[in-house]
Amino acid sequence: VSVKNQENCSNKATIEIIDDCFNIFVPEALTPNNDGENDILKIYGSGIDSFDLKIKNRWGIEVFAMQNLKFSSNYVDTWNGNDVQSGIYSYEITATIIRNTSTEIKTKKGLVYLL
């Protein structure tokens, strides 16, 4: 950045901008009724190399898991809620982020409602 005032005095500064964007979005509800809307849990993200997904019922029993998922667009189709009852399910996402030569692991937990 260079700045010059009215008296022709100038100064320069260097600013380093680091892209530290790790974004992941999980919708809060899933309605697998084959109407073409919200039938599959789509996970949206950016800045992620790969991620693992675990979904558990209210008793903590794993009902679904996928490993080493990668985004081919801005989302990944994952769980369709088949073979389980309506209710609240917890999810845990373990994401691998690679920046330059370092690897970082981030975790996101939340709830999804199966209606």
Foldseek 3Di string as FASTA:
>chain_A
DKDADPVRDIDDDDDDDDPPDWDKDWDAEAELPPPPPRQFTKMFIPQFAFKKKFKADPVRHTDAIDGGDGDPDRIDTGGRPPPDDWAKIKMKMWTWGDDDHDIDIDMDIDIHTYD
